[in-house]
Amino acid sequence: MESFNQFLLTLDGLLGSAVWFPWVLLGVGFFFTLYLGFPQIRYFGHAIKIVRGKYDKPGDPGDTSHFQALSTALSGTVGTGNIGGVGLAIFLGGPAALFWMWVTAFLGMTTKFVEVTLSHKYRIKAADGFYAGGPMFYMERRLNMKWLAVIFAIATVISSFGTGSLPQVNNIAQAMHDTFGLSKMVTGGVLAILLGMVIIGGITRIAKVTSTIVPVMATLYIIGALAVILYNYQNIIPSFSAVFAGAFNGSAAVGGFLGASFAYAFNRGVNRGLFSNEAGQGSAPIAHAAARADEPVSEGMVSLLEPFIDTLIICTLTGLVILSSGVWTEKHMNQFERADMMVVAGTYSDKDEADVKQLFGFLSNQSSEVTAYTGAIVVADGRPLNENEFTILNSRSVAEDVEFRVAGDNFSGVLNVNNGRLVNPNVDVWGNSLLHSVALTNRAFQKGFFGEYGSYIVTLGILLFAFSTAIAWSYYGDRSMIYLFGPKAVMPYRLVYVVAFFWAAIEDTTVIWNLSAVAIVLMTLPNLFGISILAREMKDTVKDYWKDPSHK
């Protein structure tokens, strides 16, 4: 599994984490924002009226209402990215990462408007009697690029696991285990059964379930977030200051946080922004293709609300909870995941400015005197005895009060380390270090009016957010399977989807996140390429929409 994780990191380094990818993503959004005259601002009010049904016409073709399509798409985007993803972005890039999530969302509102409009325009009525749409249909029917459509559809199927199924249940299982002590296997099994019962009913049942879950989960989460932010009201302004102060020069080291360069904050913010709102990924158009509408532009306008709700509201609340509570710079007792843990030669302290600089360079693959440790760790009653020979890093921080355990009991003996990695697989490592992802957000929610009960809100939020995301992504996957292989492929896909959902409940969190990072880019690049080619058609389609007096 460690080798597979390294392979994923290598792929991510060439794709999503590469220097060029954020610029491509933002560049397309920036181009369309200027080219179409800031539609995310000009059409915002009109979009709300469409969702409320003001322009609905009897007999409009489609399977769901505008609100149900919006809810299904939102359930696909509002998930672990809003809870764990924000925690991961701030953990990696500091407060500045939140700024670049905002930028990604603002420009992404236009990108989503474009991709949904074009996809809705070229949707079809599939052999199963329901509407099917998405980038693969405009790629084939308008661009005559069947090969590109096939690449996108295959990437969507892969991403339905990497984005929709695997990381969602992984975070649910972790949260349920941490809060209620429930077995990850039990959580995965129960939810897998529920998931199968929902998705077997297709888009009609999916739309009904998601349109019920989305308002409930959003309200619950907002109340919990405000309970923390208002409790720490004195830190609200400093939190915003930290976000803007580091936007263009990186986040400074503070507490256990070793700092982040501009490039790192920018890249992580954009990547987590994409994972959260999926603008440009091409997933939302698949849900919106089912909406009852005879005007593609109207459904495109509905979709521009998604990044606003998902990132500019919900992700911002999560970010402010983490920053105002201060937990992102604090070390907490936790069990170390091997993928987050590294042993380096020599002793270092995060309280020494020179050491911080060297450690930051090492973790950022820059020039550094720090080297990986190879040798032995002598342990007595759980505690290392030769600590002067090495330093244990976990979650990009210097670990403290480290203990080694086997089956819950303190370990005594000699452990082997090879190139910074602990060789002994059966030994659990505990200690104080920084937290990230869901664990960080969970800790932050305990720093408000609800105290420790705040973690229940995170757990329930994860449960509702992530489960609804898995539901929506199963639909994206089965529409892609129909495109690739026809209706007969849907049922086998759903069975594999449910089984993978169960399997991921007990897998390593870091590996799941890295798989997601790769899968997302495999969808995004073909879609960005396609909508860029159709820029002129998009502009003409919008002009034609406004020529109709009934739309004003």
Protein backbone atom coordinates (compact mmCIF):
# COMPACT_ATOMS: atom_id res chain seq x y z
CA MET A 1 0.00 0.00 0.00
CA GLU A 2 2.90 2.35 0.73
CA SER A 3 4.32 1.71 -2.75
CA PHE A 4 0.91 2.38 -4.30
CA ASN A 5 0.68 5.61 -2.33
CA GLN A 6 4.07 6.71 -3.67
CA PHE A 7 2.90 5.91 -7.20
CA LEU A 8 -0.19 8.07 -6.68
CA LEU A 9 1.95 10.90 -5.32
CA THR A 10 4.14 10.69 -8.41
CA LEU A 11 1.10 10.90 -10.69
CA ASP A 12 -0.34 13.77 -8.66
CA GLY A 13 3.00 15.57 -8.97
CA LEU A 14 2.70 15.38 -12.75
CA LEU A 15 -0.98 16.35 -12.79
CA GLY A 16 -2.96 18.11 -10.07
CA SER A 17 0.01 19.19 -7.95
CA ALA A 18 2.06 20.28 -10.95
CA VAL A 19 2.78 23.99 -11.32
CA TRP A 20 0.79 24.28 -14.53
CA PHE A 21 -2.53 22.74 -13.44
CA PRO A 22 -3.91 25.50 -11.16
CA TRP A 23 -3.09 28.09 -13.81
CA VAL A 24 -4.99 26.11 -16.45
CA LEU A 25 -8.03 25.72 -14.19
CA LEU A 26 -8.12 29.35 -13.11
CA GLY A 27 -7.17 30.54 -16.57
CA VAL A 28 -10.23 28.96 -18.18
CA GLY A 29 -12.50 30.40 -15.50
CA PHE A 30 -10.90 33.82 -15.79
CA PHE A 31 -11.23 33.81 -19.59
CA PHE A 32 -14.94 32.92 -19.54
CA THR A 33 -15.59 35.41 -16.72
CA LEU A 34 -14.27 38.25 -18.90
CA TYR A 35 -15.60 36.84 -22.19
CA LEU A 36 -19.16 36.49 -20.88
CA GLY A 37 -19.09 39.69 -18.80
CA PHE A 38 -19.04 38.37 -15.20
CA PRO A 39 -22.14 36.14 -15.37
CA GLN A 40 -21.61 34.99 -11.77
CA ILE A 41 -22.55 38.53 -10.72
CA ARG A 42 -24.98 39.62 -13.44
CA TYR A 43 -27.09 36.45 -13.49
CA PHE A 44 -27.03 35.58 -9.79
CA GLY A 45 -30.49 37.01 -9.00
CA HIS A 46 -32.00 35.50 -12.15
CA ALA A 47 -30.62 32.10 -11.15
CA ILE A 48 -32.42 32.24 -7.82
CA LYS A 49 -35.70 33.01 -9.60
CA ILE A 50 -35.22 30.00 -11.88
CA VAL A 51 -34.65 27.69 -8.91
CA ARG A 52 -37.83 29.00 -7.30
CA GLY A 53 -39.73 27.97 -10.45
CA LYS A 54 -40.66 31.43 -11.78
CA TYR A 55 -39.86 30.50 -15.39
CA ASP A 56 -41.06 26.89 -15.36
CA LYS A 57 -43.30 25.82 -18.21
CA PRO A 58 -45.68 22.83 -18.22
CA GLY A 59 -44.36 20.05 -20.38
CA ASP A 60 -40.67 21.03 -20.20
CA PRO A 61 -38.59 17.93 -21.04
CA GLY A 62 -36.64 16.34 -18.22
CA ASP A 63 -36.84 14.06 -15.18
CA THR A 64 -36.30 16.42 -12.21
CA SER A 65 -37.10 19.98 -11.14
CA HIS A 66 -34.48 22.74 -11.14
CA PHE A 67 -34.25 22.49 -7.35
CA GLN A 68 -33.84 18.71 -7.43
CA ALA A 69 -31.12 18.98 -10.07
CA LEU A 70 -29.37 21.64 -7.99
CA SER A 71 -29.71 19.50 -4.86
CA THR A 72 -28.33 16.43 -6.63
CA ALA A 73 -25.36 18.40 -7.98
CA LEU A 74 -24.82 20.05 -4.59
CA SER A 75 -24.97 16.69 -2.85
CA GLY A 76 -22.19 15.63 -5.20
CA THR A 77 -20.03 18.63 -4.31
CA VAL A 78 -20.92 19.32 -0.66
CA GLY A 79 -19.06 16.48 0.98
CA THR A 80 -15.75 15.69 2.59
CA GLY A 81 -14.15 18.53 0.66
CA ASN A 82 -16.12 20.99 2.77
CA ILE A 83 -15.09 19.39 6.06
CA GLY A 84 -11.96 17.33 5.60
CA GLY A 85 -10.79 19.08 2.43
CA VAL A 86 -10.67 22.53 4.01
CA GLY A 87 -8.85 21.07 6.98
CA LEU A 88 -6.32 19.51 4.62
CA ALA A 89 -5.87 22.74 2.63
CA ILE A 90 -5.16 24.84 5.75
CA PHE A 91 -2.92 22.09 7.17
CA LEU A 92 -0.82 22.13 3.99
CA GLY A 93 -0.98 25.74 2.88
CA GLY A 94 -1.95 27.68 5.99
CA PRO A 95 -4.63 30.39 6.07
CA ALA A 96 -3.60 31.63 2.60
CA ALA A 97 -4.98 28.43 1.06
CA LEU A 98 -8.50 29.61 1.97
CA PHE A 99 -8.02 32.75 -0.16
CA TRP A 100 -7.22 30.64 -3.22
CA MET A 101 -10.23 28.44 -2.52
CA TRP A 102 -12.32 31.63 -2.74
CA VAL A 103 -10.72 32.63 -6.03
CA THR A 104 -11.27 29.15 -7.43
CA ALA A 105 -14.95 29.30 -6.41
CA PHE A 106 -15.59 32.78 -7.83
CA LEU A 107 -14.11 31.92 -11.22
CA GLY A 108 -15.57 28.43 -10.97
CA MET A 109 -19.09 29.86 -10.89
CA THR A 110 -18.57 30.90 -14.51
CA THR A 111 -16.86 27.66 -15.48
CA LYS A 112 -19.78 25.66 -14.11
CA PHE A 113 -22.27 27.94 -15.90
CA VAL A 114 -20.51 27.17 -19.19
CA GLU A 115 -20.06 23.42 -18.77
CA VAL A 116 -23.64 22.84 -17.63
CA THR A 117 -25.14 24.96 -20.42
CA LEU A 118 -23.19 23.20 -23.17
CA SER A 119 -23.80 19.75 -21.73
CA HIS A 120 -27.53 20.37 -21.28
CA LYS A 121 -27.73 21.61 -24.86
CA TYR A 122 -26.50 18.29 -26.23
CA ARG A 123 -28.19 15.87 -23.82
CA ILE A 124 -30.11 12.87 -25.11
CA LYS A 125 -32.90 10.62 -23.96
CA ALA A 126 -31.15 7.36 -23.13
CA ALA A 127 -32.32 3.81 -23.85
CA ASP A 128 -33.52 3.45 -20.26
CA GLY A 129 -36.05 6.25 -20.80
CA PHE A 130 -34.24 8.88 -18.71
CA TYR A 131 -32.24 11.85 -19.92
CA ALA A 132 -28.47 11.53 -20.09
CA GLY A 133 -26.00 14.33 -20.49
CA GLY A 134 -22.57 15.52 -19.60
CA PRO A 135 -19.41 16.65 -21.37
CA MET A 136 -19.07 13.34 -23.22
CA PHE A 137 -22.22 14.18 -25.20
CA TYR A 138 -21.14 17.62 -26.41
CA MET A 139 -17.69 16.18 -27.14
CA GLU A 140 -19.21 13.58 -29.46
CA ARG A 141 -22.29 15.34 -30.84
CA ARG A 142 -20.82 18.83 -31.29
CA LEU A 143 -17.05 18.47 -31.43
CA ASN A 144 -17.11 15.12 -33.26
CA MET A 145 -14.40 13.93 -30.86
CA LYS A 146 -15.63 10.50 -29.87
CA TRP A 147 -12.15 9.63 -28.59
CA LEU A 148 -12.20 12.58 -26.17
CA ALA A 149 -15.71 11.68 -25.03
CA VAL A 150 -14.60 8.13 -24.27
CA ILE A 151 -11.58 9.39 -22.29
CA PHE A 152 -13.86 11.66 -20.25
CA ALA A 153 -16.45 8.94 -19.61
CA ILE A 154 -13.79 6.47 -18.47
CA ALA A 155 -12.28 9.15 -16.22
CA THR A 156 -15.73 9.84 -14.78
CA VAL A 157 -16.20 6.18 -13.85
CA ILE A 158 -12.77 6.16 -12.19
CA SER A 159 -13.50 9.45 -10.46
CA SER A 160 -16.87 8.17 -9.21
CA PHE A 161 -14.79 5.89 -7.01
CA GLY A 162 -11.89 8.28 -6.36
CA THR A 163 -14.10 11.27 -5.63
CA GLY A 164 -17.56 9.95 -4.84
CA SER A 165 -17.24 6.62 -3.11
CA LEU A 166 -13.85 5.96 -1.53
CA PRO A 167 -12.94 9.19 0.33
CA GLN A 168 -16.54 9.77 1.42
CA VAL A 169 -17.08 6.56 3.36
CA ASN A 170 -13.48 6.65 4.59
CA ASN A 171 -14.15 9.95 6.32
CA ILE A 172 -17.55 8.81 7.60
CA ALA A 173 -16.04 5.67 9.13
CA GLN A 174 -13.18 7.61 10.71
CA ALA A 175 -15.54 10.20 12.19
CA MET A 176 -17.96 7.59 13.55
CA HIS A 177 -15.05 5.66 15.08
CA ASP A 178 -13.50 8.75 16.69
CA THR A 179 -16.79 10.10 18.05
CA PHE A 180 -18.83 7.03 18.94
CA GLY A 181 -16.23 4.25 18.90
CA LEU A 182 -18.09 2.38 16.14
CA SER A 183 -16.18 -0.19 14.14
CA LYS A 184 -15.25 1.07 10.68
CA MET A 185 -16.37 -2.24 9.22
CA VAL A 186 -19.82 -1.92 10.81
CA THR A 187 -20.21 1.66 9.59
CA GLY A 188 -19.13 0.71 6.08
CA GLY A 189 -21.44 -2.30 5.99
CA VAL A 190 -24.59 -0.46 7.14
CA LEU A 191 -24.02 2.50 4.81
CA ALA A 192 -23.21 0.25 1.87
CA ILE A 193 -26.62 -1.41 2.26
CA LEU A 194 -28.37 1.97 2.48
CA LEU A 195 -26.44 3.24 -0.53
CA GLY A 196 -27.51 0.25 -2.59
CA MET A 197 -31.17 0.78 -1.63
CA VAL A 198 -31.06 4.40 -2.83
CA ILE A 199 -29.11 4.16 -6.07
CA ILE A 200 -31.02 1.12 -7.33
CA GLY A 201 -33.96 3.49 -7.92
CA GLY A 202 -32.08 5.70 -10.37
CA ILE A 203 -32.28 9.47 -10.75
CA THR A 204 -35.91 9.79 -9.57
CA ARG A 205 -35.20 8.29 -6.15
CA ILE A 206 -31.76 9.93 -5.97
CA ALA A 207 -33.28 13.37 -6.61
CA LYS A 208 -35.93 12.88 -3.91
CA VAL A 209 -33.37 11.76 -1.33
CA THR A 210 -30.81 14.47 -2.07
CA SER A 211 -33.39 17.29 -2.17
CA THR A 212 -34.34 16.28 1.38
CA ILE A 213 -30.83 15.74 2.74
CA VAL A 214 -29.13 18.86 1.33
CA PRO A 215 -31.21 21.54 3.16
CA VAL A 216 -31.07 19.59 6.44
CA MET A 217 -27.34 19.00 6.37
CA ALA A 218 -26.53 22.57 5.35
CA THR A 219 -28.64 24.06 8.15
CA LEU A 220 -27.15 21.74 10.77
CA TYR A 221 -23.60 22.45 9.72
CA ILE A 222 -24.03 26.23 9.55
CA ILE A 223 -25.46 26.33 13.08
CA GLY A 224 -22.54 24.28 14.41
CA ALA A 225 -19.97 26.42 12.60
CA LEU A 226 -21.44 29.71 13.85
CA ALA A 227 -21.39 28.31 17.40
CA VAL A 228 -17.60 28.09 17.17
CA ILE A 229 -16.94 31.29 15.21
CA LEU A 230 -19.06 33.46 17.50
CA TYR A 231 -17.57 31.82 20.60
CA ASN A 232 -14.14 32.87 19.35
CA TYR A 233 -15.36 36.21 17.98
CA GLN A 234 -12.16 37.99 19.00
CA ASN A 235 -10.26 35.86 16.47
CA ILE A 236 -12.50 36.54 13.47
CA ILE A 237 -10.66 39.63 12.23
CA PRO A 238 -7.19 38.15 12.89
CA SER A 239 -8.27 35.06 10.95
CA PHE A 240 -9.27 37.10 7.90
CA SER A 241 -6.06 39.10 8.23
CA ALA A 242 -4.01 35.89 8.16
CA VAL A 243 -5.86 34.73 5.03
CA PHE A 244 -5.15 37.91 3.08
CA ALA A 245 -1.68 38.53 4.53
CA GLY A 246 -0.35 35.25 3.21
CA ALA A 247 -2.26 35.19 -0.08
CA PHE A 248 0.69 36.31 -2.20
CA ASN A 249 3.71 35.49 -0.04
CA GLY A 250 2.71 32.30 1.81
CA SER A 251 1.78 31.54 5.40
CA ALA A 252 4.37 32.10 8.12
CA ALA A 253 5.39 29.45 10.65
CA VAL A 254 3.43 29.62 13.91
CA GLY A 255 3.03 27.12 16.75
CA GLY A 256 3.62 23.61 15.41
CA PHE A 257 2.92 24.77 11.84
CA LEU A 258 6.21 25.01 9.93
CA GLY A 259 4.96 27.49 7.33
CA ALA A 260 3.95 27.30 3.67
CA SER A 261 5.29 29.06 0.59
CA PHE A 262 3.07 31.01 -1.80
CA ALA A 263 3.34 28.25 -4.39
CA TYR A 264 2.24 25.63 -1.87
CA ALA A 265 -0.67 27.68 -0.51
CA PHE A 266 -1.77 28.57 -4.04
CA ASN A 267 -1.59 25.02 -5.33
CA ARG A 268 -3.29 23.44 -2.32
CA GLY A 269 -6.01 26.10 -2.23
CA VAL A 270 -6.85 25.67 -5.89
CA ASN A 271 -6.75 21.87 -5.69
CA ARG A 272 -8.94 21.69 -2.60
CA GLY A 273 -11.25 24.29 -4.15
CA LEU A 274 -11.69 22.07 -7.18
CA PHE A 275 -12.25 18.99 -5.02
CA SER A 276 -14.88 20.90 -3.07
CA ASN A 277 -16.96 22.60 -5.79
CA GLU A 278 -15.93 20.52 -8.84
CA ALA A 279 -16.20 23.53 -11.16
CA GLY A 280 -14.56 22.52 -14.42
CA GLN A 281 -14.51 18.84 -13.54
CA GLY A 282 -17.57 18.12 -15.64
CA SER A 283 -19.52 16.20 -13.00
CA ALA A 284 -22.37 18.63 -12.28
CA PRO A 285 -23.53 18.75 -15.93
CA ILE A 286 -24.48 15.08 -15.64
CA ALA A 287 -26.93 15.86 -12.82
CA HIS A 288 -28.29 19.00 -14.47
CA ALA A 289 -28.94 17.12 -17.72
CA ALA A 290 -31.94 15.53 -16.01
CA ALA A 291 -33.58 18.88 -15.18
CA ARG A 292 -36.89 19.83 -16.75
CA ALA A 293 -35.92 22.76 -18.96
CA ASP A 294 -36.12 23.62 -22.65
CA GLU A 295 -33.43 26.31 -22.34
CA PRO A 296 -29.88 25.09 -21.63
CA VAL A 297 -28.83 28.54 -20.42
CA SER A 298 -31.42 28.54 -17.65
CA GLU A 299 -30.01 25.34 -16.20
CA GLY A 300 -26.50 26.74 -16.56
CA MET A 301 -27.55 29.72 -14.45
CA VAL A 302 -28.89 27.41 -11.75
CA SER A 303 -25.52 25.68 -11.59
CA LEU A 304 -23.53 28.86 -10.95
CA LEU A 305 -25.10 28.91 -7.49
CA GLU A 306 -23.25 25.70 -6.57
CA PRO A 307 -19.69 27.03 -6.05
CA PHE A 308 -21.19 29.98 -4.16
CA ILE A 309 -23.04 27.73 -1.70
CA ASP A 310 -20.40 25.03 -1.57
CA THR A 311 -17.21 27.04 -1.25
CA LEU A 312 -17.95 30.69 -0.59
CA ILE A 313 -20.39 29.82 2.21
CA ILE A 314 -19.81 26.33 3.61
CA CYS A 315 -16.04 26.06 3.05
CA THR A 316 -15.55 29.58 4.38
CA LEU A 317 -17.42 28.67 7.56
CA THR A 318 -15.23 25.58 7.99
CA GLY A 319 -12.10 27.64 7.41
CA LEU A 320 -13.13 30.26 9.95
CA VAL A 321 -13.94 27.55 12.50
CA ILE A 322 -10.44 26.10 12.12
CA LEU A 323 -8.63 29.44 12.10
CA SER A 324 -10.60 31.20 14.86
CA SER A 325 -10.34 28.18 17.18
CA GLY A 326 -6.55 28.10 16.75
CA VAL A 327 -6.36 24.30 16.61
CA TRP A 328 -4.54 24.29 13.27
CA THR A 329 -1.31 25.37 15.01
CA GLU A 330 -1.72 23.08 18.03
CA LYS A 331 -0.46 19.54 18.55
CA HIS A 332 -2.90 16.90 19.73
CA MET A 333 -2.55 13.28 20.81
CA ASN A 334 -3.36 10.97 17.90
CA GLN A 335 -2.36 7.72 16.25
CA PHE A 336 0.09 8.32 13.41
CA GLU A 337 -0.72 7.05 9.95
CA ARG A 338 2.40 5.66 8.29
CA ALA A 339 1.93 7.79 5.17
CA ASP A 340 2.05 10.95 7.34
CA MET A 341 5.04 9.85 9.41
CA MET A 342 8.76 10.33 8.68
CA VAL A 343 11.85 9.78 10.83
CA VAL A 344 14.79 12.13 10.12
CA ALA A 345 18.37 11.94 11.32
CA GLY A 346 19.40 14.28 14.15
CA THR A 347 17.37 16.29 16.64
CA TYR A 348 15.24 19.25 15.57
CA SER A 349 12.83 21.58 17.34
CA ASP A 350 10.00 23.65 15.91
CA LYS A 351 10.85 26.29 18.51
CA ASP A 352 14.22 26.96 16.86
CA GLU A 353 13.96 29.28 13.83
CA ALA A 354 16.92 27.67 12.05
CA ASP A 355 15.49 24.19 12.58
CA VAL A 356 12.09 25.29 11.29
CA LYS A 357 13.70 26.57 8.10
CA GLN A 358 15.57 23.31 7.54
CA LEU A 359 12.51 21.14 8.27
CA PHE A 360 10.32 23.25 5.99
CA GLY A 361 12.86 22.85 3.20
CA PHE A 362 12.94 19.08 3.70
CA LEU A 363 9.16 18.69 3.68
CA SER A 364 8.85 20.97 0.66
CA ASN A 365 11.53 19.15 -1.34
CA GLN A 366 13.75 22.21 -1.28
CA SER A 367 17.36 22.66 -0.24
CA SER A 368 17.82 21.33 3.30
CA GLU A 369 20.39 19.73 5.57
CA VAL A 370 17.76 17.34 6.93
CA THR A 371 18.07 13.71 5.80
CA ALA A 372 15.94 10.62 6.29
CA TYR A 373 17.01 8.36 9.15
CA THR A 374 18.11 4.76 8.66
CA GLY A 375 18.86 2.76 11.76
CA ALA A 376 17.27 1.50 14.95
CA ILE A 377 14.87 2.90 17.53
CA VAL A 378 15.45 1.36 20.95
CA VAL A 379 12.20 1.27 22.90
CA ALA A 380 11.51 0.52 26.58
CA ASP A 381 7.93 0.45 27.89
CA GLY A 382 6.69 2.32 24.81
CA ARG A 383 9.23 5.16 24.97
CA PRO A 384 12.24 5.62 22.64
CA LEU A 385 15.58 5.66 24.47
CA ASN A 386 17.95 6.93 21.75
CA GLU A 387 15.99 10.11 20.89
CA ASN A 388 19.22 12.06 20.40
CA GLU A 389 19.79 10.17 17.12
CA PHE A 390 16.56 11.07 15.30
CA THR A 391 13.42 13.22 15.17
CA ILE A 392 9.98 11.85 14.38
CA LEU A 393 7.84 14.01 12.12
CA ASN A 394 4.13 13.45 11.76
CA SER A 395 1.62 15.47 9.77
CA ARG A 396 4.35 17.96 8.77
CA SER A 397 5.20 18.73 12.40
CA VAL A 398 7.71 17.66 15.05
CA ALA A 399 6.07 14.86 17.04
CA GLU A 400 6.20 14.98 20.84
CA ASP A 401 5.56 12.44 23.63
CA VAL A 402 5.83 9.57 21.15
CA GLU A 403 4.78 6.09 22.27
CA PHE A 404 5.04 2.73 20.50
CA ARG A 405 2.32 0.17 21.13
CA VAL A 406 1.37 -3.32 20.00
CA ALA A 407 -2.28 -4.34 20.39
CA GLY A 408 -2.75 -1.51 22.86
CA ASP A 409 0.17 -2.47 25.12
CA ASN A 410 3.43 -0.55 25.40
CA PHE A 411 6.16 -2.04 23.22
CA SER A 412 9.70 -2.85 24.35
CA GLY A 413 12.46 -3.86 21.96
CA VAL A 414 14.21 -2.61 18.83
CA LEU A 415 12.42 -1.11 15.83
CA ASN A 416 14.00 -0.73 12.40
CA VAL A 417 13.80 2.40 10.24
CA ASN A 418 14.76 2.39 6.56
CA ASN A 419 15.08 5.71 4.71
CA GLY A 420 12.80 7.45 7.18
CA ARG A 421 10.08 4.79 7.22
CA LEU A 422 9.29 2.50 10.15
CA VAL A 423 9.67 -1.08 8.94
CA ASN A 424 7.71 -2.92 11.65
CA PRO A 425 4.09 -3.10 10.37
CA ASN A 426 2.41 -4.32 13.58
CA VAL A 427 3.54 -1.42 15.78
CA ASP A 428 1.18 1.51 16.38
CA VAL A 429 2.74 4.93 16.92
CA TRP A 430 1.02 7.54 19.11
CA GLY A 431 2.02 11.05 20.04
CA ASN A 432 1.28 14.75 19.91
CA SER A 433 1.38 16.32 16.44
CA LEU A 434 -0.62 18.54 14.15
CA LEU A 435 -3.88 17.18 12.76
CA HIS A 436 -5.35 17.44 9.29
CA SER A 437 -8.49 16.69 7.29
CA VAL A 438 -11.56 15.59 9.29
CA ALA A 439 -9.61 15.15 12.53
CA LEU A 440 -8.59 18.83 12.45
CA THR A 441 -12.11 20.08 11.72
CA ASN A 442 -13.53 17.77 14.38
CA ARG A 443 -11.17 19.20 17.00
CA ALA A 444 -12.00 22.77 15.95
CA PHE A 445 -15.75 22.22 16.36
CA GLN A 446 -15.15 21.36 20.03
CA LYS A 447 -13.90 24.91 20.67
CA GLY A 448 -17.32 26.57 20.67
CA PHE A 449 -20.54 26.93 22.63
CA PHE A 450 -21.28 23.21 22.31
CA GLY A 451 -17.89 22.15 23.70
CA GLU A 452 -17.07 18.50 23.07
CA TYR A 453 -20.55 17.96 21.69
CA GLY A 454 -19.47 20.02 18.69
CA SER A 455 -17.72 16.92 17.37
CA TYR A 456 -21.16 15.31 17.00
CA ILE A 457 -22.09 18.01 14.49
CA VAL A 458 -18.99 17.23 12.45
CA THR A 459 -19.76 13.53 12.60
CA LEU A 460 -23.38 13.99 11.54
CA GLY A 461 -22.27 16.52 8.92
CA ILE A 462 -19.76 14.06 7.52
CA LEU A 463 -22.39 11.34 7.56
CA LEU A 464 -24.97 13.38 5.63
CA PHE A 465 -22.56 15.30 3.39
CA ALA A 466 -20.43 12.35 2.39
CA PHE A 467 -23.26 9.85 2.03
CA SER A 468 -25.20 12.19 -0.26
CA THR A 469 -22.02 12.75 -2.29
CA ALA A 470 -21.65 9.01 -2.78
CA ILE A 471 -25.28 8.86 -3.94
CA ALA A 472 -24.81 11.62 -6.53
CA TRP A 473 -21.55 10.21 -7.86
CA SER A 474 -23.10 6.80 -8.40
CA TYR A 475 -25.44 8.53 -10.84
CA TYR A 476 -22.54 10.23 -12.62
CA GLY A 477 -20.85 6.88 -12.96
CA ASP A 478 -23.85 4.98 -14.25
CA ARG A 479 -24.62 7.65 -16.90
CA SER A 480 -21.03 7.28 -18.06
CA MET A 481 -21.37 3.49 -18.12
CA ILE A 482 -24.48 3.89 -20.29
CA TYR A 483 -22.51 6.07 -22.67
CA LEU A 484 -19.64 3.58 -22.85
CA PHE A 485 -21.40 0.21 -22.77
CA GLY A 486 -25.17 0.73 -22.78
CA PRO A 487 -27.90 0.20 -20.10
CA LYS A 488 -26.83 -3.40 -19.36
CA ALA A 489 -23.61 -2.12 -17.78
CA VAL A 490 -25.40 -0.05 -15.12
CA MET A 491 -26.29 -2.81 -12.66
CA PRO A 492 -22.81 -4.41 -12.56
CA TYR A 493 -21.35 -0.94 -12.06
CA ARG A 494 -23.66 -0.22 -9.14
CA LEU A 495 -22.75 -3.51 -7.47
CA VAL A 496 -19.01 -2.78 -7.77
CA TYR A 497 -19.65 0.77 -6.55
CA VAL A 498 -21.35 -0.47 -3.38
CA VAL A 499 -18.64 -3.07 -2.70
CA ALA A 500 -15.89 -0.47 -3.14
CA PHE A 501 -17.82 1.85 -0.81
CA PHE A 502 -17.65 -0.80 1.91
CA TRP A 503 -13.97 -1.60 1.25
CA ALA A 504 -12.89 2.03 1.53
CA ALA A 505 -14.31 2.33 5.04
CA ILE A 506 -11.29 0.45 6.43
CA GLU A 507 -8.54 1.76 4.11
CA ASP A 508 -5.82 4.36 4.81
CA THR A 509 -7.10 7.94 4.63
CA THR A 510 -4.03 9.41 2.96
CA VAL A 511 -4.06 6.88 0.13
CA ILE A 512 -7.74 7.60 -0.54
CA TRP A 513 -7.14 11.36 -0.72
CA ASN A 514 -4.22 10.86 -3.11
CA LEU A 515 -6.30 8.61 -5.35
CA SER A 516 -8.98 11.30 -5.43
CA ALA A 517 -6.47 13.97 -6.42
CA VAL A 518 -5.40 11.97 -9.49
CA ALA A 519 -8.93 10.96 -10.54
CA ILE A 520 -10.21 14.54 -10.46
CA VAL A 521 -7.63 15.79 -12.95
CA LEU A 522 -8.35 12.90 -15.34
CA MET A 523 -11.86 14.34 -15.73
CA THR A 524 -11.06 18.02 -15.59
CA LEU A 525 -8.52 18.39 -18.39
CA PRO A 526 -10.67 16.97 -21.23
CA ASN A 527 -13.65 19.04 -20.08
CA LEU A 528 -11.69 22.31 -19.90
CA PHE A 529 -10.31 21.61 -23.36
CA GLY A 530 -13.80 20.99 -24.76
CA ILE A 531 -15.58 24.04 -23.35
CA SER A 532 -12.70 26.29 -24.42
CA ILE A 533 -13.19 25.23 -28.04
CA LEU A 534 -16.91 26.06 -27.78
CA ALA A 535 -16.45 29.53 -26.28
CA ARG A 536 -18.04 31.32 -29.25
CA GLU A 537 -21.04 29.00 -29.30
CA MET A 538 -21.51 29.56 -25.57
CA LYS A 539 -21.62 33.31 -26.03
CA ASP A 540 -24.13 33.05 -28.88
CA THR A 541 -26.31 30.68 -26.85
CA VAL A 542 -26.47 33.17 -23.98
CA LYS A 543 -27.35 36.02 -26.37
CA ASP A 544 -30.18 33.96 -27.85
CA TYR A 545 -31.53 33.25 -24.37
CA TRP A 546 -31.84 36.94 -23.52
CA LYS A 547 -33.61 37.70 -26.83
CA ASP A 548 -36.69 35.99 -25.40
CA PRO A 549 -38.70 38.72 -23.58
CA SER A 550 -40.09 36.17 -21.10
CA HIS A 551 -36.61 35.70 -19.62
CA LYS A 552 -36.32 39.31 -18.49
